[in-house]
Protein backbone atom coordinates (compact mmCIF):
# COMPACT_ATOMS: atom_id res chain seq x y z
CA MET A 1 30.04 17.96 39.00
CA ARG A 2 28.09 20.77 40.65
CA VAL A 3 24.99 20.10 38.52
CA THR A 4 25.31 16.35 39.03
CA GLY A 5 25.50 16.83 42.78
CA TRP A 6 22.41 19.00 42.88
CA LEU A 7 20.54 16.51 40.69
CA ALA A 8 21.45 13.66 43.03
CA PHE A 9 20.30 15.72 45.98
CA CYS A 10 16.93 16.48 44.39
CA VAL A 11 16.34 12.89 43.26
CA GLY A 12 17.08 11.70 46.78
CA ALA A 13 14.72 14.29 48.24
CA LEU A 14 11.97 13.22 45.85
CA ALA A 15 12.39 9.54 46.73
CA PHE A 16 12.38 10.27 50.45
CA ALA A 17 9.29 12.48 50.24
CA GLY A 18 7.51 9.85 48.17
CA LEU A 19 8.16 7.20 50.79
CA VAL A 20 6.92 9.51 53.54
CA ALA A 21 3.76 10.20 51.55
CA LEU A 22 2.77 6.53 51.32
CA PRO A 23 0.19 5.67 53.98
CA ALA A 24 0.59 2.81 56.39
CA LYS A 25 -0.95 -0.46 55.27
CA ALA A 26 -3.67 -0.42 57.92
CA ALA A 27 -4.84 3.04 56.78
CA ALA A 28 -4.66 2.35 53.02
CA ASP A 29 -7.60 3.31 50.85
CA THR A 30 -9.63 4.98 53.61
CA MET A 31 -10.40 7.92 51.29
CA ASP A 32 -11.21 5.83 48.23
CA PRO A 33 -14.68 6.45 46.74
CA ALA A 34 -17.44 4.14 48.05
CA LEU A 35 -20.25 5.28 45.79
CA ASN A 36 -22.44 2.25 46.55
CA ARG A 37 -23.32 3.96 49.86
CA LEU A 38 -24.70 7.10 48.22
CA VAL A 39 -28.32 5.94 48.12
CA HIS A 40 -30.86 8.76 48.26
CA PRO A 41 -32.18 9.09 51.85
CA LEU A 42 -35.79 8.63 50.68
CA ALA A 43 -34.98 5.36 48.90
CA ARG A 44 -33.11 3.43 51.56
CA GLY A 45 -36.00 1.05 52.09
CA CYS A 46 -34.44 -0.94 49.24
CA LEU A 47 -31.61 -1.99 51.57
CA ALA A 48 -31.44 -4.54 54.38
CA LYS A 49 -28.70 -5.67 56.74
CA GLY A 50 -27.44 -9.23 57.04
CA PRO A 51 -27.91 -11.50 60.08
CA ASP A 52 -24.85 -9.97 61.73
CA GLY A 53 -26.19 -6.44 61.24
CA THR A 54 -23.74 -5.53 58.48
CA GLY A 55 -23.67 -5.54 54.70
CA ALA A 56 -25.91 -4.06 52.01
CA PHE A 57 -28.49 -6.62 50.91
CA TYR A 58 -31.60 -6.27 48.77
CA ASN A 59 -34.69 -5.82 50.94
CA PRO A 60 -37.47 -8.13 49.61
CA ARG A 61 -40.08 -6.08 51.46
CA SER A 62 -39.38 -3.14 49.18
CA GLY A 63 -40.99 -4.98 46.26
CA PHE A 64 -39.77 -3.43 43.05
CA SER A 65 -38.72 -0.14 44.65
CA ARG A 66 -35.21 0.51 43.37
CA CYS A 67 -32.28 2.13 45.14
CA VAL A 68 -32.14 5.69 43.78
CA PRO A 69 -28.69 7.31 43.52
CA ASP A 70 -28.11 10.48 45.50
CA ASP A 71 -26.88 12.59 42.58
CA GLY A 72 -26.54 15.69 44.76
CA ALA A 73 -24.09 13.96 47.11
CA PHE A 74 -22.17 12.51 44.16
CA ALA A 75 -21.88 15.97 42.57
CA LYS A 76 -20.43 17.48 45.73
CA LEU A 77 -17.97 14.62 46.14
CA VAL A 78 -16.78 15.08 42.55
CA ALA A 79 -16.46 18.85 43.06
CA GLN A 80 -14.12 18.42 46.02
CA TYR A 81 -12.07 15.56 44.57
CA GLY A 82 -11.76 17.61 41.37
CA PHE A 83 -10.44 20.69 43.16
CA ALA A 84 -7.76 18.55 44.81
CA VAL A 85 -6.42 16.93 41.62
CA ALA A 86 -6.76 20.02 39.40
CA PRO A 87 -3.62 21.63 37.91
CA THR A 88 -2.07 24.07 40.39
CA ALA A 89 -0.21 26.45 38.00
CA MET A 90 2.53 26.52 40.64
CA ARG A 91 5.11 28.52 38.71
CA SER A 92 6.22 32.03 37.89
CA ALA A 93 5.41 33.61 34.53
CA ARG A 94 9.04 33.25 33.40
CA SER A 95 9.77 30.04 31.50
CA THR A 96 12.76 27.78 32.01
CA GLY A 97 14.18 29.22 28.78
CA TYR A 98 15.25 27.65 25.51
CA GLY A 99 16.63 24.17 26.27
CA GLY A 100 15.85 24.48 29.99
CA PHE A 101 14.64 21.61 32.20
CA GLU A 102 12.98 21.51 35.58
CA PHE A 103 12.37 18.48 37.81
CA SER A 104 10.36 18.94 40.99
CA LEU A 105 8.30 17.31 43.70
CA GLU A 106 5.05 19.03 44.62
CA ALA A 107 2.98 18.40 47.74
CA ASP A 108 -0.60 19.74 47.73
CA TYR A 109 -2.89 19.87 50.77
CA THR A 110 -6.52 20.62 49.88
CA LYS A 111 -9.19 21.39 52.47
CA ILE A 112 -12.41 19.39 52.13
CA ASP A 113 -15.76 19.50 53.92
CA SER A 114 -14.90 16.37 55.89
CA ASN A 115 -17.86 16.66 58.29
CA ALA A 116 -20.35 16.44 55.43
CA SER A 117 -22.39 13.24 55.02
CA TYR A 118 -21.19 12.66 51.46
CA TRP A 119 -17.60 12.25 52.71
CA ARG A 120 -18.59 9.97 55.60
CA GLU A 121 -20.83 7.81 53.43
CA GLY A 122 -19.01 8.16 50.12
CA THR A 123 -15.53 7.00 51.21
CA GLN A 124 -14.32 3.61 52.40
CA GLY A 125 -13.17 4.33 55.92
CA PRO A 126 -10.79 2.16 57.98
CA GLN A 127 -10.37 -1.55 57.41
CA ASP A 128 -10.77 -4.07 60.21
CA PRO A 129 -7.33 -5.70 60.58
CA THR A 130 -8.89 -9.07 61.46
CA THR A 131 -11.83 -9.46 59.09
CA LYS A 132 -10.36 -7.17 56.36
CA ARG A 133 -13.80 -5.60 55.99
CA PHE A 134 -14.18 -1.86 55.52
CA SER A 135 -16.44 0.18 57.77
CA VAL A 136 -20.06 0.78 56.76
CA GLU A 137 -19.28 4.49 57.21
CA ASN A 138 -16.10 6.54 57.28
CA ARG A 139 -16.58 8.24 60.63
CA THR A 140 -13.25 10.07 60.51
CA PRO A 141 -12.54 11.27 56.95
CA ASP A 142 -9.26 13.12 56.43
CA SER A 143 -9.66 16.87 56.81
CA MET A 144 -7.42 17.38 53.78
CA LEU A 145 -6.71 15.54 50.56
CA GLN A 146 -2.96 15.11 50.08
CA LEU A 147 -1.58 14.93 46.55
CA TYR A 148 2.13 14.20 45.98
CA SER A 149 3.38 14.75 42.43
CA LEU A 150 6.52 14.41 40.36
CA LYS A 151 6.69 17.08 37.66
CA ILE A 152 8.90 17.88 34.69
CA ARG A 153 9.03 21.00 32.53
CA LYS A 154 10.91 21.58 29.27
CA GLY A 155 11.52 24.94 27.64
CA PHE A 156 11.38 25.65 23.90
CA PRO A 157 11.96 28.75 21.77
CA PHE A 158 9.65 31.79 21.86
CA GLY A 159 8.64 31.28 25.49
CA LEU A 160 6.88 27.94 24.86
CA GLU A 161 7.05 25.35 27.61
CA LEU A 162 5.66 21.81 27.93
CA GLY A 163 5.29 19.78 31.10
CA GLY A 164 4.08 16.51 32.54
CA GLN A 165 2.89 15.32 35.94
CA VAL A 166 2.29 12.03 37.75
CA GLY A 167 0.97 11.94 41.29
CA TYR A 168 -0.48 9.89 44.12
CA LEU A 169 -3.49 10.86 46.24
CA ALA A 170 -2.63 9.75 49.77
CA HIS A 171 -4.89 7.23 51.55
CA THR A 172 -6.47 6.21 48.24
CA SER A 173 -5.69 3.96 45.29
CA ILE A 174 -5.84 6.98 42.97
CA ILE A 175 -2.96 7.86 40.65
CA THR A 176 -3.09 11.14 38.76
CA GLY A 177 -1.41 12.12 35.52
CA GLY A 178 -1.50 14.98 33.08
CA ALA A 179 0.22 17.45 30.79
CA ASP A 180 0.78 21.21 30.71
CA ILE A 181 1.45 23.81 28.03
CA ARG A 182 2.44 27.41 28.67
CA LEU A 183 3.42 30.46 26.68
CA SER A 184 5.34 33.33 28.24
CA LEU A 185 4.07 36.45 26.48
CA LEU A 186 6.44 38.87 28.16
CA GLU A 187 9.53 37.75 30.03
CA GLY A 188 13.19 38.36 30.70
CA PHE A 189 13.41 42.17 30.44
CA ARG A 190 15.80 43.49 33.09
CA ALA A 191 17.04 46.89 31.91
CA HIS A 192 15.72 50.24 30.69
CA ILE A 193 11.98 50.89 30.38
CA PRO A 194 10.93 47.24 29.68
CA GLY A 195 12.67 46.25 32.90
CA ILE A 196 9.85 47.74 34.97
CA PHE A 197 7.26 45.40 33.47
CA PRO A 198 6.47 42.05 35.09
CA ASP A 199 6.66 38.70 33.33
CA ILE A 200 3.32 37.55 31.91
CA ALA A 201 2.30 34.03 30.85
CA VAL A 202 -0.79 32.04 29.93
CA GLY A 203 -1.20 28.28 30.00
CA GLY A 204 -3.43 25.25 29.92
CA ALA A 205 -3.33 21.86 31.59
CA VAL A 206 -5.28 18.65 32.05
CA ARG A 207 -5.32 16.06 34.83
CA THR A 208 -7.02 12.68 35.01
CA ILE A 209 -7.06 9.77 37.44
CA THR A 210 -6.81 6.00 37.46
CA GLY A 211 -6.90 3.36 40.17
CA THR A 212 -10.62 3.28 40.99
CA GLU A 213 -13.38 1.63 38.97
CA GLN A 214 -16.16 3.64 40.58
CA LEU A 215 -15.07 7.12 39.54
CA GLN A 216 -13.75 8.65 36.33
CA LEU A 217 -12.45 12.17 36.89
CA THR A 218 -10.80 14.62 34.48
CA VAL A 219 -9.99 18.28 35.13
CA ALA A 220 -9.00 20.80 32.46
CA GLY A 221 -7.64 24.21 33.37
CA PHE A 222 -6.55 27.52 31.86
CA ASP A 223 -4.53 30.10 33.74
CA ALA A 224 -2.81 33.46 33.49
CA GLN A 225 0.17 34.43 35.68
CA VAL A 226 2.02 37.66 36.47
CA SER A 227 5.37 37.57 38.28
CA LYS A 228 8.44 39.69 38.96
CA GLN A 229 11.89 38.27 39.55
CA ILE A 230 13.96 39.94 42.29
CA PRO A 231 17.71 39.10 42.17
CA ILE A 232 19.55 38.97 45.48
CA ALA A 233 23.36 38.86 45.72
CA GLY A 234 23.75 37.50 42.21
CA THR A 235 23.04 33.82 42.91
CA VAL A 236 19.67 34.06 44.66
CA GLN A 237 16.35 34.88 42.96
CA LEU A 238 13.10 35.63 44.77
CA THR A 239 9.97 35.56 42.58
CA PRO A 240 6.51 36.49 43.85
CA TYR A 241 3.61 35.78 41.48
CA VAL A 242 -0.16 35.97 41.28
CA GLY A 243 -2.66 34.60 38.79
CA TYR A 244 -6.14 33.42 37.92
CA SER A 245 -7.12 29.90 36.90
CA TRP A 246 -10.35 28.60 35.38
CA ILE A 247 -10.95 24.88 35.76
CA ARG A 248 -13.64 22.59 34.37
CA ILE A 249 -14.29 19.33 36.22
CA PHE A 250 -15.71 16.25 34.45
CA GLY A 251 -16.89 13.49 36.78
CA ASP A 252 -18.61 10.20 35.87
CA SER A 253 -19.34 7.06 37.80
CA GLY A 254 -18.83 3.49 36.70
CA LEU A 255 -21.49 0.84 37.27
CA VAL A 256 -22.33 0.96 40.97
CA ASP A 257 -24.11 -1.91 42.76
CA PHE A 258 -26.08 -0.55 45.71
CA THR A 259 -26.72 -4.09 47.03
CA PRO A 260 -23.33 -5.78 46.56
CA ASN A 261 -24.10 -8.49 49.13
CA THR A 262 -27.08 -9.80 47.13
CA ASP A 263 -26.43 -11.83 44.00
CA ALA A 264 -29.12 -10.63 41.60
CA LEU A 265 -28.84 -13.82 39.52
CA SER A 266 -29.43 -16.08 42.50
CA ALA A 267 -32.26 -13.91 43.87
CA CYS A 268 -33.98 -14.19 40.51
CA GLY A 269 -33.25 -17.84 39.75
CA TYR A 270 -32.00 -16.54 36.42
CA ALA A 271 -32.95 -18.72 33.43
CA GLY A 272 -31.85 -16.43 30.63
CA PRO A 273 -33.03 -13.33 28.74
CA ASN A 274 -36.60 -12.91 27.52
CA THR A 275 -35.82 -13.45 23.84
CA PRO A 276 -37.35 -15.67 21.13
CA GLY A 277 -36.38 -19.33 21.48
CA MET A 278 -35.54 -19.08 25.17
CA PRO A 279 -37.59 -21.51 27.35
CA GLY A 280 -40.17 -19.57 29.32
CA ALA A 281 -39.87 -16.46 27.15
CA LYS A 282 -43.04 -14.47 26.47
CA ALA A 283 -43.93 -11.65 24.13
CA PRO A 284 -43.08 -8.84 24.06
CA TYR A 285 -39.49 -10.07 23.81
CA ASP A 286 -37.72 -7.29 25.69
CA GLY A 287 -34.52 -9.07 26.73
CA GLN A 288 -35.34 -8.75 30.44
CA PRO A 289 -34.27 -11.54 32.86
CA ILE A 290 -36.45 -14.64 33.10
CA CYS A 291 -36.71 -15.69 36.74
CA LYS A 292 -37.53 -19.26 37.76
CA SER A 293 -38.06 -18.13 41.34
CA GLY A 294 -37.76 -14.93 43.34
CA THR A 295 -37.70 -11.49 41.75
CA ALA A 296 -35.70 -9.57 39.18
CA ALA A 297 -35.96 -6.36 41.23
CA ASP A 298 -32.34 -6.41 42.38
CA PHE A 299 -31.11 -6.02 38.79
CA ASN A 300 -32.41 -2.43 39.05
CA ASN A 301 -30.03 -1.68 41.90
CA THR A 302 -26.96 -1.48 39.66
CA VAL A 303 -26.90 2.13 38.50
CA VAL A 304 -24.83 4.95 37.03
CA PHE A 305 -24.89 8.39 38.64
CA ASN A 306 -25.75 11.41 36.53
CA PRO A 307 -22.59 12.94 35.01
CA VAL A 308 -21.15 15.95 36.81
CA ARG A 309 -19.78 18.99 34.98
CA LEU A 310 -18.81 22.11 36.86
CA THR A 311 -16.62 25.19 36.72
CA ARG A 312 -14.39 26.68 39.43
CA HIS A 313 -12.78 30.14 39.42
CA ARG A 314 -9.58 30.24 41.44
CA LEU A 315 -7.02 32.77 42.64
CA ASP A 316 -3.40 31.57 42.67
CA PHE A 317 -0.49 33.28 44.39
CA GLY A 318 2.89 32.16 45.59
CA LEU A 319 6.56 32.77 46.16
CA GLN A 320 9.59 31.00 44.70
CA LEU A 321 13.15 31.05 46.03
CA ARG A 322 15.92 29.86 43.73
CA VAL A 323 19.54 29.35 44.80
CA GLN A 324 21.66 28.38 41.78
CA VAL A 325 19.82 25.32 40.40
CA VAL A 326 17.71 24.49 43.47
CA LYS A 327 14.22 25.94 43.71
CA PHE A 328 11.76 26.01 46.60
CA GLY A 329 8.21 27.30 46.29
CA VAL A 330 5.10 27.96 48.37
CA HIS A 331 1.74 28.29 46.62
CA VAL A 332 -1.82 29.04 47.73
CA ILE A 333 -5.03 28.49 45.75
CA THR A 334 -8.52 29.56 46.78
CA ASP A 335 -11.95 29.73 45.20
CA LEU A 336 -12.94 33.22 44.09
CA VAL A 337 -16.66 32.37 44.31
CA ASN A 338 -18.70 29.55 45.83
CA PRO A 339 -19.25 26.54 43.53
CA GLU A 340 -23.01 27.18 43.64
CA ASP A 341 -22.56 30.76 42.37
CA ALA A 342 -20.21 29.61 39.60
CA ASN A 343 -22.63 26.94 38.34
CA LYS A 344 -26.15 28.24 38.04
CA GLY A 345 -29.01 27.23 35.78
CA PRO A 346 -31.17 24.18 35.02
CA ASP A 347 -28.15 22.05 34.12
CA TYR A 348 -27.06 22.17 37.76
CA ALA A 349 -30.43 21.43 39.38
CA VAL A 350 -31.61 18.25 41.08
CA SER A 351 -35.08 17.42 42.31
CA LYS A 352 -35.68 17.91 46.03
CA ASP A 353 -37.57 14.60 46.06
CA LEU A 354 -35.93 12.18 43.63
CA VAL A 355 -38.08 9.23 44.71
CA ASN A 356 -41.65 10.44 44.69
CA ASP A 357 -41.07 13.34 42.32
CA PRO A 358 -38.44 12.41 39.71
CA SER A 359 -39.73 15.18 37.41
CA GLY A 360 -38.83 17.89 39.90
CA ALA A 361 -42.39 19.28 39.91
CA ASN A 362 -42.14 19.92 43.65
CA GLY A 363 -39.08 22.07 43.22
CA THR A 364 -35.37 21.72 42.55
CA GLU A 365 -32.17 22.89 44.16
CA ASN A 366 -28.64 23.51 42.96
CA LYS A 367 -26.41 20.41 43.09
CA PHE A 368 -23.74 22.41 44.87
CA ALA A 369 -25.98 24.20 47.37
CA GLY A 370 -24.10 24.67 50.64
CA LEU A 371 -20.78 23.52 49.19
CA PRO A 372 -18.09 25.77 50.74
CA LYS A 373 -15.12 27.35 49.03
CA GLN A 374 -11.96 25.27 49.03
CA TRP A 375 -8.30 26.13 49.30
CA THR A 376 -5.01 24.38 48.62
CA LEU A 377 -1.61 24.93 50.22
CA ALA A 378 1.24 23.58 48.10
CA PHE A 379 5.00 23.19 48.48
CA GLU A 380 7.57 22.46 45.78
CA LEU A 381 11.20 21.38 45.79
CA GLY A 382 13.00 21.10 42.49
CA ALA A 383 16.06 21.55 40.34
CA VAL A 384 16.30 23.82 37.29
CA PHE A 385 18.95 23.34 34.57
């Protein structure tokens, strides 16, 4: 009955916290990616506003000048989203033990560079309650990304432990999910000489997201933890821990239309592809659109951003308090080095002038130049059996 009561308490706490985490309807999706706004500053002549001064239309005066994606801004956005959804390694080095289970709710609050232009331009912003249109710019991005997760861990023999996670990124449509594996190399010694040694564990994890068509994001991580359990009065256990985690972030965009308010087919007067047998087709048969009127230029404004791959080195430390089967934890994560310092070389360079100098002959800069270190503050409430 005691275990059942604690389980009911924890399930109720999880449900309540989940309801609190859900944003109000009027504020929903304000932090969703809006990658169609990340046009390179030197290429914005491709865009025009509608008669009411809003919208992103193709600008006929630009001729065939295409909207060039701002790959530097996209890379920084991916770097900060990735830090927020990455595995937290919020645990001590001691496993739940053979046959052990743990259910918990985790709340993560990750600091972002909310004043940066890529957050203002690259996220949806508030929705007008009357017209249901989103802002052309998110003038007040959240200062933190909030991730609320439900986690489960299961212990196996020889210190092996497997886990799973599902979460929700507040004020977005993004759902996260992933799996963890961990091996406790040294744990459980309490007496004699081995009792002075801490518990040591290593692990790996992966997280991915769904809920947005514009962004595909996956984060893989490896970590090492050291902890020491301190028993208090027999039924209470206090466990401080510290560790290092290495994460690799993989970010890709979907097809992004920089001029969503212009129908490329209508602007072209589309008659079909330039292939043999098609009326109006001419050699060379390249499959390009045949336009009866207008221009095919707007077809070039649907793009894919360059893929983003980056590494982060992080310091993890925290404290867990366990009373019988109930566990409460506080966890802090911070970058050990700046993202720019952790990702150097030609693979992380972008041209300073992507429009007039796509080759980078006039110089390049690191994609993550100026990107600050991030930190996460996390809380956990759970039950261990």
